[in-house]
Amino acid sequence: MCDLAVASEGAVFGLPEVNVGLFPAQVLSVLQHLLPRRRLTELCLCGEPISAREALAAGLVNYVSDDLDAELGRLLARMLNNRPPLSAADCTRSSMWKPCRSSSPWRSRKAR
């Protein structure tokens, strides 16, 4: 999973496996933390792809641009401008970015 995402104008997102009767279990573990529940349910049940602009509106990507290199350059400049070199790395490793799952088997095990 990436921390920030930039998509081209022509990018298309979807779950095509549902159109052939497969359940997208692996990708749902990531998408459930990125998309609202009803939007994700719609993608799963209908199997219709969404455009890059729709993905932006849903919060799946941060930016949509025809010039990906320029957009990434602007984003990196914003991240690194006047900040200590490791602040971005420390931020992405921080536990505040990790989803908390109380049903995790590791958290529910009792000490032996």
Protein backbone atom coordinates (compact mmCIF):
# COMPACT_ATOMS: atom_id res chain seq x y z
CA MET A 1 0.00 0.00 0.00
CA CYS A 2 1.32 3.48 -0.80
CA ASP A 3 1.07 6.53 1.42
CA LEU A 4 0.26 8.96 -1.42
CA ALA A 5 -1.15 8.23 -4.86
CA VAL A 6 -1.12 10.23 -8.09
CA ALA A 7 -3.15 8.99 -11.07
CA SER A 8 -3.16 9.97 -14.72
CA GLU A 9 -6.34 11.38 -16.25
CA GLY A 10 -6.87 8.17 -18.19
CA ALA A 11 -6.48 5.81 -15.20
CA VAL A 12 -9.35 3.46 -14.43
CA PHE A 13 -9.91 1.73 -11.09
CA GLY A 14 -12.12 -1.23 -10.36
CA LEU A 15 -12.54 -4.79 -9.21
CA PRO A 16 -12.88 -6.71 -12.49
CA GLU A 17 -12.64 -10.08 -10.73
CA VAL A 18 -16.19 -9.69 -9.41
CA ASN A 19 -17.44 -9.78 -13.03
CA VAL A 20 -16.25 -13.38 -13.34
CA GLY A 21 -17.56 -14.49 -9.96
CA LEU A 22 -14.43 -14.05 -7.83
CA PHE A 23 -14.44 -12.29 -4.48
CA PRO A 24 -11.68 -9.62 -4.18
CA ALA A 25 -10.65 -10.60 -0.64
CA GLN A 26 -7.00 -9.55 -0.83
CA VAL A 27 -7.56 -6.04 -2.19
CA LEU A 28 -10.55 -5.45 0.10
CA SER A 29 -8.26 -5.62 3.13
CA VAL A 30 -6.55 -2.47 1.78
CA LEU A 31 -9.53 -0.71 0.21
CA GLN A 32 -11.68 -0.94 3.34
CA HIS A 33 -9.37 1.61 4.96
CA LEU A 34 -9.34 3.95 1.95
CA LEU A 35 -12.93 4.09 0.72
CA PRO A 36 -16.25 4.70 2.43
CA ARG A 37 -18.10 1.43 3.07
CA ARG A 38 -21.00 2.11 0.71
CA ARG A 39 -18.70 3.15 -2.16
CA LEU A 40 -16.63 0.00 -1.71
CA THR A 41 -19.76 -2.13 -1.56
CA GLU A 42 -20.96 -0.58 -4.82
CA LEU A 43 -17.64 -1.39 -6.51
CA CYS A 44 -17.87 -4.99 -5.27
CA LEU A 45 -21.49 -5.59 -6.20
CA CYS A 46 -21.63 -3.79 -9.55
CA GLY A 47 -18.14 -4.50 -10.88
CA GLU A 48 -18.14 -1.20 -12.78
CA PRO A 49 -14.83 0.67 -13.03
CA ILE A 50 -14.45 4.27 -11.88
CA SER A 51 -12.46 7.04 -13.53
CA ALA A 52 -9.45 8.76 -12.01
CA ARG A 53 -11.63 11.78 -11.18
CA GLU A 54 -14.13 9.54 -9.39
CA ALA A 55 -11.25 7.89 -7.51
CA LEU A 56 -10.05 11.35 -6.48
CA ALA A 57 -13.51 12.31 -5.24
CA ALA A 58 -13.75 9.04 -3.29
CA GLY A 59 -10.33 9.56 -1.67
CA LEU A 60 -8.61 6.66 -3.39
CA VAL A 61 -5.93 8.94 -4.90
CA ASN A 62 -4.49 12.27 -3.79
CA TYR A 63 -4.09 13.91 -7.20
CA VAL A 64 -5.03 13.41 -10.85
CA SER A 65 -2.82 14.92 -13.54
CA ASP A 66 -1.87 14.48 -17.18
CA ASP A 67 1.76 15.20 -16.29
CA LEU A 68 2.58 12.65 -13.58
CA ASP A 69 6.26 13.58 -13.38
CA ALA A 70 5.48 17.25 -12.77
CA GLU A 71 2.80 16.42 -10.19
CA LEU A 72 5.13 14.07 -8.34
CA GLY A 73 7.84 16.72 -8.43
CA ARG A 74 5.49 19.29 -6.86
CA LEU A 75 4.40 16.80 -4.22
CA LEU A 76 7.98 15.86 -3.32
CA ALA A 77 8.98 19.52 -3.16
CA ARG A 78 6.13 20.18 -0.72
CA MET A 79 7.13 17.18 1.40
CA LEU A 80 10.78 18.10 1.60
CA ASN A 81 10.63 21.90 1.65
CA ASN A 82 12.08 23.27 4.90
CA ARG A 83 11.76 19.99 6.78
CA PRO A 84 14.35 17.78 8.43
CA PRO A 85 15.34 14.97 6.02
CA LEU A 86 13.77 12.15 7.99
CA SER A 87 10.53 13.84 9.05
CA ALA A 88 8.51 12.43 6.14
CA ALA A 89 9.92 8.93 6.69
CA ASP A 90 9.20 9.12 10.41
CA CYS A 91 5.66 10.30 9.72
CA THR A 92 4.85 7.42 7.38
CA ARG A 93 6.26 4.88 9.85
CA SER A 94 4.29 6.40 12.69
CA SER A 95 1.58 4.28 14.25
CA MET A 96 -0.96 7.04 13.58
CA TRP A 97 -1.03 5.95 9.91
CA LYS A 98 -1.59 2.29 10.69
CA PRO A 99 -5.21 1.13 10.92
CA CYS A 100 -6.17 -0.22 14.32
CA ARG A 101 -7.88 -3.57 14.18
CA SER A 102 -9.16 -4.73 17.53
CA SER A 103 -10.12 -8.09 15.99
CA SER A 104 -6.49 -8.86 15.13
CA PRO A 105 -5.50 -12.34 16.35
CA TRP A 106 -2.25 -10.90 17.69
CA ARG A 107 -4.08 -8.47 19.97
CA SER A 108 -6.61 -10.96 21.24
CA ARG A 109 -4.15 -13.65 22.31
CA LYS A 110 -3.72 -14.04 26.02
CA ALA A 111 -0.27 -14.28 27.55
CA ARG A 112 0.65 -17.83 28.38
